[in-house]
Every structure is written in structure tokens, then in C-alpha cells.
Amino acid sequence: QVQLMESGGGLVQPGGSLRLSCAASGSIFSIDAMGWYRQAPGKQRELVASITTGGSTDYTDFVKSRFTISRDNAKNTVYLQMNNLQPEDTAVYYCNAKNVRKINNLRIPEIWGQGTLVTVSS
């Protein structure tokens, strides 16, 4: 069974930084794209950033220049470095993996992590 395990959330003051990690496990051969989404209370889940196997990245406008997504393909792990956090960044951050191929060639279209809470408050 393929799983995504997030870590790194917590409470931080405005202007502070956090680094989220998400490790995929479960006999994985490859993952086409990994990314981070977030969902604030009362709002829909939205894309924050994504990265392909080749390193191409995509960011939503509200995090450009503040957040950086990176990936270690050998470890099937994706990171999100978040700098200059603001109260409006408070949300549950979810890891996402698209087009996961297992070593037995089974393909899984999409997987979600359980989420990690990021709270930005003074």
C-alpha cells in the first residue's frame, strides 16, 4: 500500500519559516508529480506548489518568492520551504502524488497525505 507521510507543520510567528516534508512509501518505482495543497478553515483545498520528476515547478501566485518546493527522487520525498509566513498561510497542508507507479507496474492515479497543520500567529 502506498502512503504519503507529512511532517514539519506547527506554530510559527508571522515572518517565520517552516519546512514541510512528505515521504512516499510502498514499493514505489516512480512518481510523476508531487505537490502541496492547503485548506484553510471554511475554504476549498487549493494548490500551493508542484514539482515533476524532472524538476519543473509550478507555484500559485500567493506563495511565489516566499515558498520553494524541492524533491529527492531517490527518496520519493518532496519538501516545501516556507519563508515569511503570514497569518493567511494558516491551513492544513496536504501532500499529493500523481501517477504513482509501483515496482509491480501497478499505477495509482493520485494519492493524498493526511495533512499537517501550519498555524501562523503571534
N, C-alpha and C. Protein backbone atom coordinates (compact mmCIF):
# COMPACT_ATOMS: atom_id res chain seq x y z
N GLN A 1 0.84 -1.18 0.00
CA GLN A 1 0.00 0.00 0.00
C GLN A 1 0.88 1.24 0.00
N VAL A 2 0.61 2.16 -0.91
CA VAL A 2 1.40 3.38 -0.99
C VAL A 2 0.83 4.41 -0.01
N GLN A 3 1.74 5.05 0.71
CA GLN A 3 1.33 6.05 1.69
C GLN A 3 2.21 7.29 1.55
N LEU A 4 1.63 8.43 1.90
CA LEU A 4 2.37 9.69 1.99
C LEU A 4 2.36 10.13 3.44
N MET A 5 3.53 10.40 3.97
CA MET A 5 3.64 10.80 5.37
C MET A 5 4.24 12.20 5.43
N GLU A 6 3.43 13.16 5.92
CA GLU A 6 3.89 14.54 6.02
C GLU A 6 4.46 14.80 7.41
N SER A 7 5.36 15.78 7.48
CA SER A 7 5.88 16.24 8.76
C SER A 7 6.35 17.68 8.60
N GLY A 8 6.54 18.34 9.74
CA GLY A 8 7.12 19.68 9.72
C GLY A 8 6.16 20.81 10.01
N GLY A 9 4.89 20.52 10.16
CA GLY A 9 3.95 21.58 10.50
C GLY A 9 4.11 22.04 11.93
N GLY A 10 3.40 23.11 12.27
CA GLY A 10 3.47 23.61 13.64
C GLY A 10 3.05 25.06 13.72
N LEU A 11 3.36 25.65 14.85
CA LEU A 11 3.02 27.05 15.13
C LEU A 11 4.25 27.92 14.89
N VAL A 12 4.06 28.99 14.15
CA VAL A 12 5.17 29.91 13.87
C VAL A 12 4.63 31.33 13.89
N GLN A 13 5.49 32.27 14.26
CA GLN A 13 5.10 33.67 14.29
C GLN A 13 5.15 34.26 12.87
N PRO A 14 4.37 35.30 12.63
CA PRO A 14 4.45 35.97 11.32
C PRO A 14 5.87 36.37 10.98
N GLY A 15 6.24 36.12 9.73
CA GLY A 15 7.61 36.37 9.28
C GLY A 15 8.53 35.18 9.47
N GLY A 16 8.06 34.16 10.15
CA GLY A 16 8.90 33.00 10.41
C GLY A 16 8.91 32.00 9.25
N SER A 17 9.61 30.89 9.46
CA SER A 17 9.78 29.87 8.42
C SER A 17 9.46 28.49 8.96
N LEU A 18 9.03 27.64 8.06
CA LEU A 18 8.84 26.22 8.34
C LEU A 18 9.23 25.43 7.10
N ARG A 19 9.63 24.19 7.32
CA ARG A 19 9.92 23.30 6.20
C ARG A 19 9.08 22.04 6.34
N LEU A 20 8.24 21.81 5.37
CA LEU A 20 7.42 20.60 5.34
C LEU A 20 8.12 19.52 4.53
N SER A 21 7.93 18.29 4.98
CA SER A 21 8.46 17.13 4.26
C SER A 21 7.33 16.14 4.02
N CYS A 22 7.45 15.42 2.92
CA CYS A 22 6.47 14.38 2.61
C CYS A 22 7.20 13.22 1.97
N ALA A 23 7.15 12.07 2.63
CA ALA A 23 7.83 10.88 2.13
C ALA A 23 6.81 9.86 1.67
N ALA A 24 7.00 9.36 0.47
CA ALA A 24 6.13 8.32 -0.07
C ALA A 24 6.76 6.96 0.17
N SER A 25 5.94 6.00 0.56
CA SER A 25 6.44 4.66 0.81
C SER A 25 5.49 3.63 0.23
N GLY A 26 6.04 2.40 -0.01
CA GLY A 26 5.18 1.35 -0.51
C GLY A 26 5.58 0.78 -1.85
N SER A 27 6.83 0.32 -1.94
CA SER A 27 7.31 -0.35 -3.16
C SER A 27 7.09 0.50 -4.40
N ILE A 28 7.55 1.74 -4.33
CA ILE A 28 7.34 2.70 -5.42
C ILE A 28 8.47 2.64 -6.43
N PHE A 29 8.10 2.64 -7.70
CA PHE A 29 9.09 2.72 -8.76
C PHE A 29 9.29 4.17 -9.21
N SER A 30 8.19 4.88 -9.38
CA SER A 30 8.30 6.28 -9.81
C SER A 30 7.03 7.04 -9.46
N ILE A 31 7.19 8.36 -9.38
CA ILE A 31 6.06 9.26 -9.17
C ILE A 31 6.21 10.43 -10.13
N ASP A 32 5.22 10.64 -10.97
CA ASP A 32 5.34 11.70 -11.97
C ASP A 32 5.40 13.08 -11.34
N ALA A 33 4.46 13.42 -10.51
CA ALA A 33 4.41 14.75 -9.93
C ALA A 33 4.06 14.65 -8.45
N MET A 34 4.71 15.51 -7.68
CA MET A 34 4.39 15.62 -6.25
C MET A 34 4.11 17.08 -5.95
N GLY A 35 3.26 17.30 -4.99
CA GLY A 35 2.93 18.69 -4.71
C GLY A 35 2.33 18.89 -3.35
N TRP A 36 2.07 20.14 -3.07
CA TRP A 36 1.45 20.54 -1.81
C TRP A 36 0.20 21.35 -2.08
N TYR A 37 -0.85 21.03 -1.37
CA TYR A 37 -2.09 21.77 -1.38
C TYR A 37 -2.35 22.23 0.04
N ARG A 38 -3.25 23.18 0.18
CA ARG A 38 -3.62 23.59 1.53
C ARG A 38 -5.11 23.90 1.59
N GLN A 39 -5.64 23.76 2.78
CA GLN A 39 -7.06 24.03 3.01
C GLN A 39 -7.21 24.79 4.31
N ALA A 40 -7.65 26.02 4.21
CA ALA A 40 -7.91 26.84 5.39
C ALA A 40 -9.34 26.60 5.86
N PRO A 41 -9.62 26.88 7.11
CA PRO A 41 -10.99 26.67 7.63
C PRO A 41 -12.03 27.39 6.79
N GLY A 42 -13.04 26.66 6.37
CA GLY A 42 -14.12 27.25 5.61
C GLY A 42 -13.81 27.51 4.15
N LYS A 43 -12.65 27.08 3.70
CA LYS A 43 -12.26 27.32 2.30
C LYS A 43 -11.99 26.00 1.58
N GLN A 44 -11.96 26.08 0.26
CA GLN A 44 -11.66 24.89 -0.53
C GLN A 44 -10.16 24.62 -0.53
N ARG A 45 -9.82 23.36 -0.78
CA ARG A 45 -8.43 22.99 -0.91
C ARG A 45 -7.87 23.63 -2.18
N GLU A 46 -6.65 24.16 -2.07
CA GLU A 46 -6.05 24.84 -3.21
C GLU A 46 -4.60 24.42 -3.40
N LEU A 47 -4.14 24.46 -4.63
CA LEU A 47 -2.76 24.12 -4.93
C LEU A 47 -1.83 25.19 -4.39
N VAL A 48 -0.74 24.74 -3.79
CA VAL A 48 0.32 25.65 -3.35
C VAL A 48 1.48 25.59 -4.33
N ALA A 49 2.00 24.38 -4.55
CA ALA A 49 3.14 24.21 -5.45
C ALA A 49 3.21 22.75 -5.87
N SER A 50 3.82 22.52 -7.04
CA SER A 50 4.01 21.16 -7.50
C SER A 50 5.35 21.06 -8.21
N ILE A 51 5.85 19.81 -8.33
CA ILE A 51 7.15 19.58 -8.96
C ILE A 51 7.12 18.23 -9.65
N THR A 52 7.67 18.18 -10.86
CA THR A 52 7.71 16.93 -11.60
C THR A 52 9.01 16.17 -11.30
N THR A 53 9.08 14.96 -11.85
CA THR A 53 10.29 14.16 -11.69
C THR A 53 11.51 14.91 -12.23
N GLY A 54 11.32 15.63 -13.31
CA GLY A 54 12.41 16.35 -13.93
C GLY A 54 12.76 17.67 -13.27
N GLY A 55 11.98 18.06 -12.27
CA GLY A 55 12.29 19.27 -11.53
C GLY A 55 11.52 20.50 -11.95
N SER A 56 10.61 20.37 -12.89
CA SER A 56 9.79 21.52 -13.27
C SER A 56 8.82 21.85 -12.16
N THR A 57 8.75 23.13 -11.83
CA THR A 57 7.92 23.55 -10.71
C THR A 57 6.80 24.49 -11.15
N ASP A 58 5.78 24.50 -10.33
CA ASP A 58 4.65 25.39 -10.55
C ASP A 58 4.20 25.91 -9.20
N TYR A 59 4.00 27.21 -9.10
CA TYR A 59 3.59 27.82 -7.85
C TYR A 59 2.33 28.64 -8.06
N THR A 60 1.50 28.67 -7.07
CA THR A 60 0.37 29.58 -7.12
C THR A 60 0.88 30.97 -6.76
N ASP A 61 0.19 31.99 -7.26
CA ASP A 61 0.71 33.35 -7.15
C ASP A 61 0.96 33.80 -5.72
N PHE A 62 0.12 33.36 -4.81
CA PHE A 62 0.22 33.91 -3.47
C PHE A 62 1.41 33.40 -2.67
N VAL A 63 2.17 32.43 -3.23
CA VAL A 63 3.34 31.95 -2.49
C VAL A 63 4.64 32.16 -3.26
N LYS A 64 4.54 32.66 -4.48
CA LYS A 64 5.76 32.89 -5.25
C LYS A 64 6.69 33.82 -4.51
N SER A 65 7.97 33.51 -4.54
CA SER A 65 9.06 34.24 -3.90
C SER A 65 9.13 34.00 -2.39
N ARG A 66 8.12 33.33 -1.82
CA ARG A 66 8.17 33.02 -0.39
C ARG A 66 8.38 31.52 -0.14
N PHE A 67 7.77 30.69 -0.97
CA PHE A 67 7.84 29.25 -0.79
C PHE A 67 8.70 28.63 -1.88
N THR A 68 9.40 27.55 -1.54
CA THR A 68 10.20 26.82 -2.50
C THR A 68 9.92 25.33 -2.37
N ILE A 69 9.54 24.70 -3.47
CA ILE A 69 9.32 23.26 -3.47
C ILE A 69 10.54 22.57 -4.06
N SER A 70 10.90 21.44 -3.48
CA SER A 70 12.02 20.65 -3.98
C SER A 70 11.69 19.18 -3.79
N ARG A 71 12.54 18.34 -4.37
CA ARG A 71 12.20 16.92 -4.40
C ARG A 71 13.47 16.10 -4.46
N ASP A 72 13.45 14.97 -3.74
CA ASP A 72 14.52 13.99 -3.79
C ASP A 72 13.91 12.73 -4.40
N ASN A 73 14.15 12.52 -5.69
CA ASN A 73 13.52 11.39 -6.37
C ASN A 73 13.97 10.04 -5.81
N ALA A 74 15.22 9.96 -5.39
CA ALA A 74 15.74 8.70 -4.86
C ALA A 74 15.02 8.31 -3.57
N LYS A 75 14.57 9.31 -2.83
CA LYS A 75 13.88 9.05 -1.55
C LYS A 75 12.37 9.19 -1.68
N ASN A 76 11.89 9.50 -2.89
CA ASN A 76 10.44 9.73 -3.09
C ASN A 76 9.90 10.71 -2.06
N THR A 77 10.63 11.78 -1.88
CA THR A 77 10.30 12.77 -0.87
C THR A 77 10.22 14.15 -1.50
N VAL A 78 9.22 14.92 -1.08
CA VAL A 78 9.06 16.29 -1.54
C VAL A 78 9.09 17.21 -0.33
N TYR A 79 9.65 18.39 -0.52
CA TYR A 79 9.79 19.37 0.55
C TYR A 79 9.12 20.69 0.15
N LEU A 80 8.72 21.42 1.16
CA LEU A 80 8.20 22.76 0.92
C LEU A 80 8.83 23.69 1.96
N GLN A 81 9.74 24.52 1.50
CA GLN A 81 10.35 25.53 2.37
C GLN A 81 9.47 26.77 2.33
N MET A 82 8.97 27.17 3.48
CA MET A 82 8.06 28.31 3.56
C MET A 82 8.71 29.41 4.37
N ASN A 83 8.93 30.54 3.74
CA ASN A 83 9.54 31.68 4.40
C ASN A 83 8.55 32.84 4.48
N ASN A 84 8.82 33.76 5.38
CA ASN A 84 7.98 34.94 5.56
C ASN A 84 6.50 34.55 5.65
N LEU A 85 6.23 33.60 6.51
CA LEU A 85 4.86 33.13 6.68
C LEU A 85 3.97 34.22 7.26
N GLN A 86 2.75 34.24 6.80
CA GLN A 86 1.77 35.22 7.23
C GLN A 86 0.53 34.52 7.79
N PRO A 87 -0.25 35.21 8.59
CA PRO A 87 -1.44 34.56 9.16
C PRO A 87 -2.35 33.93 8.11
N GLU A 88 -2.41 34.50 6.93
CA GLU A 88 -3.27 33.94 5.89
C GLU A 88 -2.73 32.63 5.31
N ASP A 89 -1.52 32.25 5.70
CA ASP A 89 -0.97 30.96 5.30
C ASP A 89 -1.42 29.83 6.23
N THR A 90 -2.11 30.19 7.29
CA THR A 90 -2.62 29.18 8.23
C THR A 90 -3.58 28.25 7.52
N ALA A 91 -3.28 26.96 7.59
CA ALA A 91 -4.09 25.96 6.90
C ALA A 91 -3.54 24.57 7.21
N VAL A 92 -4.30 23.57 6.82
CA VAL A 92 -3.78 22.21 6.79
C VAL A 92 -3.14 22.02 5.42
N TYR A 93 -1.90 21.60 5.42
CA TYR A 93 -1.15 21.41 4.19
C TYR A 93 -1.13 19.90 3.86
N TYR A 94 -1.54 19.60 2.65
CA TYR A 94 -1.63 18.21 2.21
C TYR A 94 -0.61 17.92 1.12
N CYS A 95 0.03 16.78 1.24
CA CYS A 95 0.93 16.30 0.21
C CYS A 95 0.12 15.52 -0.82
N ASN A 96 0.53 15.62 -2.07
CA ASN A 96 -0.17 14.95 -3.17
C ASN A 96 0.84 14.32 -4.12
N ALA A 97 0.52 13.14 -4.58
CA ALA A 97 1.36 12.46 -5.58
C ALA A 97 0.48 12.01 -6.73
N LYS A 98 0.92 12.29 -7.94
CA LYS A 98 0.14 11.93 -9.12
C LYS A 98 0.89 10.91 -9.98
N ASN A 99 0.13 9.99 -10.51
CA ASN A 99 0.64 8.94 -11.39
C ASN A 99 1.79 8.18 -10.73
N VAL A 100 1.45 7.47 -9.69
CA VAL A 100 2.42 6.67 -8.95
C VAL A 100 2.51 5.29 -9.59
N ARG A 101 3.73 4.88 -9.88
CA ARG A 101 3.93 3.53 -10.42
C ARG A 101 4.66 2.68 -9.40
N LYS A 102 4.10 1.53 -9.07
CA LYS A 102 4.76 0.64 -8.13
C LYS A 102 5.72 -0.28 -8.88
N ILE A 103 6.57 -0.99 -8.12
CA ILE A 103 7.57 -1.85 -8.75
C ILE A 103 6.93 -3.03 -9.46
N ASN A 104 5.68 -3.35 -9.13
CA ASN A 104 4.97 -4.43 -9.84
C ASN A 104 4.19 -3.86 -11.02
N ASN A 105 4.48 -2.61 -11.38
CA ASN A 105 3.89 -1.91 -12.52
C ASN A 105 2.46 -1.45 -12.29
N LEU A 106 1.94 -1.64 -11.10
CA LEU A 106 0.61 -1.12 -10.79
C LEU A 106 0.67 0.40 -10.79
N ARG A 107 -0.31 1.05 -11.42
CA ARG A 107 -0.37 2.51 -11.46
C ARG A 107 -1.49 3.03 -10.57
N ILE A 108 -1.17 4.02 -9.79
CA ILE A 108 -2.15 4.67 -8.92
C ILE A 108 -2.26 6.12 -9.37
N PRO A 109 -3.43 6.56 -9.81
CA PRO A 109 -3.56 7.91 -10.38
C PRO A 109 -3.21 9.04 -9.42
N GLU A 110 -3.63 8.90 -8.17
CA GLU A 110 -3.43 10.02 -7.24
C GLU A 110 -3.50 9.52 -5.80
N ILE A 111 -2.65 10.10 -4.96
CA ILE A 111 -2.63 9.76 -3.53
C ILE A 111 -2.52 11.04 -2.73
N TRP A 112 -3.20 11.06 -1.59
CA TRP A 112 -3.13 12.22 -0.69
C TRP A 112 -2.56 11.79 0.65
N GLY A 113 -1.84 12.69 1.27
CA GLY A 113 -1.42 12.50 2.65
C GLY A 113 -2.52 12.92 3.59
N GLN A 114 -2.28 12.73 4.88
CA GLN A 114 -3.30 13.04 5.88
C GLN A 114 -3.34 14.50 6.26
N GLY A 115 -2.29 15.22 5.92
CA GLY A 115 -2.25 16.65 6.19
C GLY A 115 -1.45 16.99 7.44
N THR A 116 -0.86 18.17 7.40
CA THR A 116 -0.13 18.69 8.57
C THR A 116 -0.55 20.14 8.77
N LEU A 117 -0.83 20.50 10.00
CA LEU A 117 -1.36 21.82 10.31
C LEU A 117 -0.24 22.84 10.44
N VAL A 118 -0.39 23.94 9.74
CA VAL A 118 0.51 25.09 9.87
C VAL A 118 -0.30 26.26 10.42
N THR A 119 0.13 26.78 11.55
CA THR A 119 -0.55 27.91 12.17
C THR A 119 0.42 29.07 12.28
N VAL A 120 0.05 30.20 11.71
CA VAL A 120 0.89 31.39 11.76
C VAL A 120 0.18 32.42 12.63
N SER A 121 0.74 32.67 13.79
CA SER A 121 0.09 33.55 14.75
C SER A 121 1.11 34.11 15.72
N SER A 122 0.86 35.32 16.17
CA SER A 122 1.73 35.92 17.18
C SER A 122 1.18 35.65 18.57
